[in-house]
Amino acid sequence: MSISIKSQEDFNECLMYVSDLYKDAYGFRPRGYNFSEFSFGELEKFMNDICVTIEEEVAYEKEMENKAIKDVMSMGVDRETALRWLDQADAYFMYGDDEFYQDSIDKYGWVSRCMEDNRNLKRVA
């Protein structure tokens, strides 16, 4: 992804989401910047640097997800079982034994993120 700022309209649009993009990349909102004082080129470079950081982070997270799945599968289980075990570990780590949050794991857990066709995945408790 490459951001190009050629007009004041582009500049103003970037100002609307620079804080959100920065938070996505670093986990907190930027402080100490006066973005409205940036030149077109400065804001463009700043935004593109953030985009590179986010792309690197996404690639790293995907690499670590694949490593976790592979590590669990190295214990002699299939992919479906590995994903279910990772969901169970995440659910316990994040929520303890609170069953109220099971819906969150079903929607956002390893199984929902990693299986190509979730409709054919049987629910295994």
N, C-alpha and C. Protein backbone atom coordinates (compact mmCIF):
# COMPACT_ATOMS: atom_id res chain seq x y z
N MET A 1 0.85 -1.16 0.00
CA MET A 1 0.00 0.00 0.00
C MET A 1 0.90 1.23 0.00
N SER A 2 0.61 2.12 -0.87
CA SER A 2 1.38 3.37 -0.94
C SER A 2 0.42 4.55 -0.98
N ILE A 3 0.68 5.49 -0.09
CA ILE A 3 -0.16 6.68 -0.01
C ILE A 3 0.52 7.80 -0.76
N SER A 4 -0.25 8.48 -1.59
CA SER A 4 0.26 9.60 -2.37
C SER A 4 -0.59 10.83 -2.08
N ILE A 5 0.08 11.90 -1.69
CA ILE A 5 -0.63 13.15 -1.38
C ILE A 5 -0.28 14.17 -2.46
N LYS A 6 -1.25 14.49 -3.29
CA LYS A 6 -1.03 15.41 -4.40
C LYS A 6 -1.81 16.71 -4.26
N SER A 7 -2.78 16.73 -3.35
CA SER A 7 -3.63 17.92 -3.22
C SER A 7 -3.98 18.16 -1.76
N GLN A 8 -4.54 19.32 -1.50
CA GLN A 8 -4.98 19.64 -0.14
C GLN A 8 -6.07 18.68 0.30
N GLU A 9 -6.89 18.24 -0.63
CA GLU A 9 -7.95 17.27 -0.30
C GLU A 9 -7.33 15.95 0.17
N ASP A 10 -6.30 15.46 -0.54
CA ASP A 10 -5.59 14.25 -0.11
C ASP A 10 -4.98 14.44 1.27
N PHE A 11 -4.37 15.59 1.49
CA PHE A 11 -3.73 15.92 2.75
C PHE A 11 -4.76 15.89 3.89
N ASN A 12 -5.89 16.55 3.67
CA ASN A 12 -6.94 16.59 4.69
C ASN A 12 -7.50 15.20 4.98
N GLU A 13 -7.62 14.38 3.96
CA GLU A 13 -8.10 13.02 4.15
C GLU A 13 -7.12 12.23 5.02
N CYS A 14 -5.84 12.38 4.76
CA CYS A 14 -4.83 11.69 5.57
C CYS A 14 -4.86 12.16 7.02
N LEU A 15 -5.11 13.44 7.23
CA LEU A 15 -5.20 13.97 8.60
C LEU A 15 -6.32 13.30 9.38
N MET A 16 -7.38 12.87 8.67
CA MET A 16 -8.52 12.26 9.34
C MET A 16 -8.18 10.89 9.92
N TYR A 17 -7.23 10.17 9.31
CA TYR A 17 -6.98 8.82 9.80
C TYR A 17 -5.53 8.56 10.20
N VAL A 18 -4.67 9.56 10.25
CA VAL A 18 -3.28 9.33 10.63
C VAL A 18 -3.17 8.82 12.07
N SER A 19 -3.99 9.33 12.97
CA SER A 19 -3.96 8.90 14.37
C SER A 19 -4.38 7.43 14.50
N ASP A 20 -5.43 7.03 13.79
CA ASP A 20 -5.88 5.64 13.83
C ASP A 20 -4.83 4.70 13.24
N LEU A 21 -4.24 5.08 12.13
CA LEU A 21 -3.23 4.26 11.49
C LEU A 21 -2.01 4.11 12.41
N TYR A 22 -1.61 5.19 13.03
CA TYR A 22 -0.49 5.17 13.96
C TYR A 22 -0.79 4.23 15.13
N LYS A 23 -2.02 4.30 15.64
CA LYS A 23 -2.41 3.42 16.75
C LYS A 23 -2.40 1.96 16.31
N ASP A 24 -2.84 1.69 15.09
CA ASP A 24 -2.79 0.32 14.58
C ASP A 24 -1.36 -0.20 14.55
N ALA A 25 -0.41 0.67 14.20
CA ALA A 25 0.98 0.25 14.06
C ALA A 25 1.68 0.11 15.41
N TYR A 26 1.44 1.04 16.33
CA TYR A 26 2.24 1.10 17.55
C TYR A 26 1.47 0.85 18.84
N GLY A 27 0.15 0.79 18.75
CA GLY A 27 -0.64 0.48 19.93
C GLY A 27 -1.05 1.66 20.77
N PHE A 28 -0.67 2.84 20.39
CA PHE A 28 -1.07 4.05 21.11
C PHE A 28 -1.15 5.21 20.13
N ARG A 29 -1.86 6.24 20.51
CA ARG A 29 -2.05 7.41 19.65
C ARG A 29 -0.78 8.25 19.64
N PRO A 30 -0.50 8.91 18.52
CA PRO A 30 0.70 9.75 18.45
C PRO A 30 0.56 10.99 19.33
N ARG A 31 1.66 11.37 19.92
CA ARG A 31 1.69 12.59 20.72
C ARG A 31 2.87 13.43 20.28
N GLY A 32 2.70 14.72 20.35
CA GLY A 32 3.81 15.62 20.04
C GLY A 32 3.94 15.97 18.57
N TYR A 33 3.05 15.49 17.75
CA TYR A 33 3.09 15.81 16.32
C TYR A 33 2.04 16.88 16.03
N ASN A 34 2.40 17.82 15.18
CA ASN A 34 1.42 18.78 14.68
C ASN A 34 1.28 18.48 13.18
N PHE A 35 0.46 17.49 12.89
CA PHE A 35 0.35 17.00 11.52
C PHE A 35 -0.10 18.07 10.53
N SER A 36 -0.86 19.03 10.99
CA SER A 36 -1.33 20.06 10.07
C SER A 36 -0.18 20.97 9.60
N GLU A 37 0.95 20.92 10.30
CA GLU A 37 2.13 21.70 9.89
C GLU A 37 3.05 20.92 8.95
N PHE A 38 2.78 19.64 8.75
CA PHE A 38 3.59 18.83 7.85
C PHE A 38 3.39 19.30 6.41
N SER A 39 4.42 19.14 5.60
CA SER A 39 4.26 19.36 4.17
C SER A 39 3.61 18.12 3.57
N PHE A 40 3.17 18.22 2.33
CA PHE A 40 2.58 17.05 1.66
C PHE A 40 3.57 15.88 1.69
N GLY A 41 4.83 16.16 1.35
CA GLY A 41 5.85 15.11 1.29
C GLY A 41 6.13 14.51 2.65
N GLU A 42 6.17 15.33 3.69
CA GLU A 42 6.44 14.82 5.04
C GLU A 42 5.32 13.91 5.52
N LEU A 43 4.08 14.34 5.32
CA LEU A 43 2.96 13.51 5.75
C LEU A 43 2.88 12.23 4.92
N GLU A 44 3.15 12.34 3.63
CA GLU A 44 3.15 11.16 2.77
C GLU A 44 4.18 10.14 3.24
N LYS A 45 5.41 10.60 3.52
CA LYS A 45 6.46 9.70 4.01
C LYS A 45 6.08 9.11 5.37
N PHE A 46 5.55 9.93 6.26
CA PHE A 46 5.14 9.48 7.58
C PHE A 46 4.09 8.37 7.47
N MET A 47 3.09 8.61 6.64
CA MET A 47 2.02 7.63 6.46
C MET A 47 2.53 6.34 5.82
N ASN A 48 3.39 6.46 4.81
CA ASN A 48 3.93 5.28 4.14
C ASN A 48 4.82 4.48 5.08
N ASP A 49 5.57 5.16 5.95
CA ASP A 49 6.39 4.44 6.93
C ASP A 49 5.50 3.65 7.90
N ILE A 50 4.39 4.24 8.31
CA ILE A 50 3.45 3.53 9.18
C ILE A 50 2.88 2.32 8.45
N CYS A 51 2.53 2.48 7.18
CA CYS A 51 1.98 1.37 6.39
C CYS A 51 2.98 0.22 6.29
N VAL A 52 4.26 0.55 6.10
CA VAL A 52 5.30 -0.48 6.03
C VAL A 52 5.37 -1.22 7.37
N THR A 53 5.33 -0.48 8.46
CA THR A 53 5.36 -1.09 9.79
C THR A 53 4.18 -2.04 9.98
N ILE A 54 3.00 -1.62 9.56
CA ILE A 54 1.81 -2.46 9.70
C ILE A 54 1.94 -3.71 8.83
N GLU A 55 2.41 -3.57 7.60
CA GLU A 55 2.58 -4.73 6.71
C GLU A 55 3.58 -5.72 7.30
N GLU A 56 4.66 -5.22 7.89
CA GLU A 56 5.65 -6.10 8.52
C GLU A 56 5.05 -6.82 9.71
N GLU A 57 4.26 -6.11 10.50
CA GLU A 57 3.61 -6.71 11.67
C GLU A 57 2.61 -7.79 11.25
N VAL A 58 1.84 -7.52 10.22
CA VAL A 58 0.87 -8.50 9.73
C VAL A 58 1.60 -9.76 9.25
N ALA A 59 2.69 -9.59 8.51
CA ALA A 59 3.47 -10.73 8.03
C ALA A 59 4.05 -11.53 9.20
N TYR A 60 4.55 -10.82 10.22
CA TYR A 60 5.12 -11.49 11.39
C TYR A 60 4.04 -12.27 12.14
N GLU A 61 2.87 -11.66 12.33
CA GLU A 61 1.79 -12.35 13.02
C GLU A 61 1.36 -13.60 12.27
N LYS A 62 1.28 -13.51 10.94
CA LYS A 62 0.90 -14.68 10.13
C LYS A 62 1.96 -15.78 10.26
N GLU A 63 3.21 -15.38 10.24
CA GLU A 63 4.32 -16.34 10.39
C GLU A 63 4.23 -17.03 11.76
N MET A 64 3.94 -16.27 12.81
CA MET A 64 3.85 -16.85 14.15
C MET A 64 2.61 -17.73 14.29
N GLU A 65 1.50 -17.36 13.65
CA GLU A 65 0.31 -18.22 13.66
C GLU A 65 0.63 -19.56 13.00
N ASN A 66 1.27 -19.51 11.84
CA ASN A 66 1.62 -20.75 11.14
C ASN A 66 2.58 -21.59 11.96
N LYS A 67 3.53 -20.95 12.65
CA LYS A 67 4.47 -21.67 13.50
C LYS A 67 3.74 -22.34 14.65
N ALA A 68 2.80 -21.63 15.28
CA ALA A 68 2.05 -22.21 16.40
C ALA A 68 1.26 -23.43 15.93
N ILE A 69 0.60 -23.31 14.80
CA ILE A 69 -0.17 -24.44 14.27
C ILE A 69 0.75 -25.61 13.97
N LYS A 70 1.87 -25.33 13.32
CA LYS A 70 2.83 -26.39 12.98
C LYS A 70 3.39 -27.04 14.25
N ASP A 71 3.69 -26.22 15.28
CA ASP A 71 4.22 -26.77 16.53
C ASP A 71 3.23 -27.72 17.19
N VAL A 72 1.95 -27.34 17.21
CA VAL A 72 0.94 -28.21 17.81
C VAL A 72 0.76 -29.46 16.97
N MET A 73 0.76 -29.30 15.65
CA MET A 73 0.60 -30.47 14.77
C MET A 73 1.79 -31.43 14.88
N SER A 74 2.94 -30.93 15.31
CA SER A 74 4.11 -31.80 15.47
C SER A 74 3.91 -32.84 16.57
N MET A 75 2.87 -32.66 17.39
CA MET A 75 2.54 -33.64 18.43
C MET A 75 1.72 -34.79 17.87
N GLY A 76 1.52 -34.79 16.55
CA GLY A 76 0.84 -35.91 15.91
C GLY A 76 -0.66 -35.73 15.74
N VAL A 77 -1.14 -34.50 15.78
CA VAL A 77 -2.57 -34.26 15.59
C VAL A 77 -2.81 -33.59 14.25
N ASP A 78 -4.06 -33.68 13.78
CA ASP A 78 -4.40 -33.03 12.52
C ASP A 78 -4.60 -31.54 12.72
N ARG A 79 -4.78 -30.83 11.64
CA ARG A 79 -4.92 -29.37 11.68
C ARG A 79 -6.16 -28.94 12.48
N GLU A 80 -7.27 -29.62 12.28
CA GLU A 80 -8.50 -29.28 12.99
C GLU A 80 -8.31 -29.39 14.50
N THR A 81 -7.67 -30.45 14.94
CA THR A 81 -7.42 -30.62 16.37
C THR A 81 -6.47 -29.57 16.89
N ALA A 82 -5.44 -29.27 16.12
CA ALA A 82 -4.48 -28.24 16.53
C ALA A 82 -5.17 -26.89 16.71
N LEU A 83 -6.03 -26.53 15.77
CA LEU A 83 -6.74 -25.25 15.87
C LEU A 83 -7.69 -25.25 17.07
N ARG A 84 -8.35 -26.37 17.31
CA ARG A 84 -9.26 -26.46 18.46
C ARG A 84 -8.47 -26.31 19.76
N TRP A 85 -7.33 -26.96 19.85
CA TRP A 85 -6.51 -26.86 21.06
C TRP A 85 -6.01 -25.42 21.27
N LEU A 86 -5.63 -24.77 20.18
CA LEU A 86 -5.19 -23.37 20.30
C LEU A 86 -6.34 -22.48 20.75
N ASP A 87 -7.55 -22.73 20.25
CA ASP A 87 -8.72 -21.98 20.71
C ASP A 87 -8.94 -22.20 22.21
N GLN A 88 -8.85 -23.45 22.64
CA GLN A 88 -9.07 -23.76 24.05
C GLN A 88 -8.02 -23.07 24.94
N ALA A 89 -6.78 -23.08 24.48
CA ALA A 89 -5.71 -22.42 25.25
C ALA A 89 -5.94 -20.92 25.32
N ASP A 90 -6.31 -20.32 24.19
CA ASP A 90 -6.59 -18.88 24.18
C ASP A 90 -7.78 -18.55 25.07
N ALA A 91 -8.83 -19.36 24.99
CA ALA A 91 -10.03 -19.10 25.79
C ALA A 91 -9.70 -19.15 27.27
N TYR A 92 -8.93 -20.14 27.68
CA TYR A 92 -8.58 -20.24 29.10
C TYR A 92 -7.67 -19.08 29.51
N PHE A 93 -6.69 -18.76 28.67
CA PHE A 93 -5.77 -17.66 28.99
C PHE A 93 -6.50 -16.33 29.09
N MET A 94 -7.43 -16.09 28.17
CA MET A 94 -8.11 -14.79 28.12
C MET A 94 -9.28 -14.71 29.09
N TYR A 95 -10.01 -15.81 29.31
CA TYR A 95 -11.27 -15.73 30.03
C TYR A 95 -11.39 -16.67 31.22
N GLY A 96 -10.38 -17.49 31.48
CA GLY A 96 -10.52 -18.48 32.55
C GLY A 96 -11.59 -19.48 32.18
N ASP A 97 -12.43 -19.87 33.15
CA ASP A 97 -13.50 -20.82 32.82
C ASP A 97 -14.84 -20.12 32.63
N ASP A 98 -14.83 -18.88 32.24
CA ASP A 98 -16.08 -18.14 32.02
C ASP A 98 -16.68 -18.50 30.66
N GLU A 99 -17.75 -19.28 30.69
CA GLU A 99 -18.37 -19.77 29.45
C GLU A 99 -19.06 -18.65 28.66
N PHE A 100 -19.30 -17.52 29.31
CA PHE A 100 -19.96 -16.39 28.66
C PHE A 100 -19.19 -15.96 27.41
N TYR A 101 -17.89 -16.10 27.41
CA TYR A 101 -17.07 -15.60 26.32
C TYR A 101 -16.81 -16.64 25.22
N GLN A 102 -17.40 -17.81 25.30
CA GLN A 102 -17.19 -18.84 24.29
C GLN A 102 -17.55 -18.33 22.89
N ASP A 103 -18.59 -17.48 22.81
CA ASP A 103 -19.01 -16.92 21.53
C ASP A 103 -17.88 -16.12 20.88
N SER A 104 -17.11 -15.38 21.67
CA SER A 104 -15.99 -14.60 21.14
C SER A 104 -14.94 -15.51 20.53
N ILE A 105 -14.63 -16.59 21.20
CA ILE A 105 -13.65 -17.54 20.67
C ILE A 105 -14.17 -18.15 19.38
N ASP A 106 -15.47 -18.50 19.35
CA ASP A 106 -16.04 -19.07 18.13
C ASP A 106 -15.94 -18.11 16.96
N LYS A 107 -16.13 -16.81 17.21
CA LYS A 107 -16.11 -15.82 16.14
C LYS A 107 -14.70 -15.40 15.73
N TYR A 108 -13.79 -15.30 16.70
CA TYR A 108 -12.49 -14.68 16.43
C TYR A 108 -11.30 -15.59 16.70
N GLY A 109 -11.54 -16.82 17.04
CA GLY A 109 -10.45 -17.71 17.42
C GLY A 109 -9.70 -18.30 16.25
N TRP A 110 -8.81 -19.21 16.57
CA TRP A 110 -7.94 -19.84 15.57
C TRP A 110 -8.74 -20.55 14.49
N VAL A 111 -9.77 -21.28 14.90
CA VAL A 111 -10.54 -22.05 13.93
C VAL A 111 -11.17 -21.12 12.90
N SER A 112 -11.80 -20.05 13.37
CA SER A 112 -12.48 -19.15 12.43
C SER A 112 -11.49 -18.41 11.55
N ARG A 113 -10.27 -18.15 12.04
CA ARG A 113 -9.29 -17.43 11.24
C ARG A 113 -8.55 -18.34 10.26
N CYS A 114 -8.45 -19.62 10.57
CA CYS A 114 -7.52 -20.47 9.82
C CYS A 114 -8.15 -21.52 8.93
N MET A 115 -9.41 -21.86 9.13
CA MET A 115 -10.01 -22.89 8.28
C MET A 115 -10.59 -22.24 7.03
N GLU A 116 -10.32 -22.85 5.88
CA GLU A 116 -10.79 -22.29 4.61
C GLU A 116 -12.32 -22.29 4.51
N ASP A 117 -12.95 -23.36 4.95
CA ASP A 117 -14.40 -23.47 4.84
C ASP A 117 -14.99 -23.83 6.19
N ASN A 118 -15.30 -22.82 6.99
CA ASN A 118 -15.79 -23.03 8.34
C ASN A 118 -17.14 -23.77 8.36
N ARG A 119 -17.90 -23.71 7.30
CA ARG A 119 -19.21 -24.35 7.28
C ARG A 119 -19.08 -25.86 7.39
N ASN A 120 -17.97 -26.43 6.91
CA ASN A 120 -17.79 -27.87 6.96
C ASN A 120 -17.06 -28.34 8.21
N LEU A 121 -16.68 -27.41 9.07
CA LEU A 121 -15.97 -27.76 10.29
C LEU A 121 -16.98 -28.13 11.37
N LYS A 122 -16.90 -29.34 11.83
CA LYS A 122 -17.84 -29.75 12.87
C LYS A 122 -17.43 -29.13 14.20
N ARG A 123 -18.39 -28.84 15.02
CA ARG A 123 -18.13 -28.23 16.33
C ARG A 123 -17.66 -29.32 17.27
N VAL A 124 -16.44 -29.19 17.75
CA VAL A 124 -15.89 -30.16 18.68
C VAL A 124 -15.58 -29.43 19.97
N ALA A 125 -16.18 -29.87 21.06
CA ALA A 125 -15.98 -29.20 22.35
C ALA A 125 -14.82 -29.82 23.10
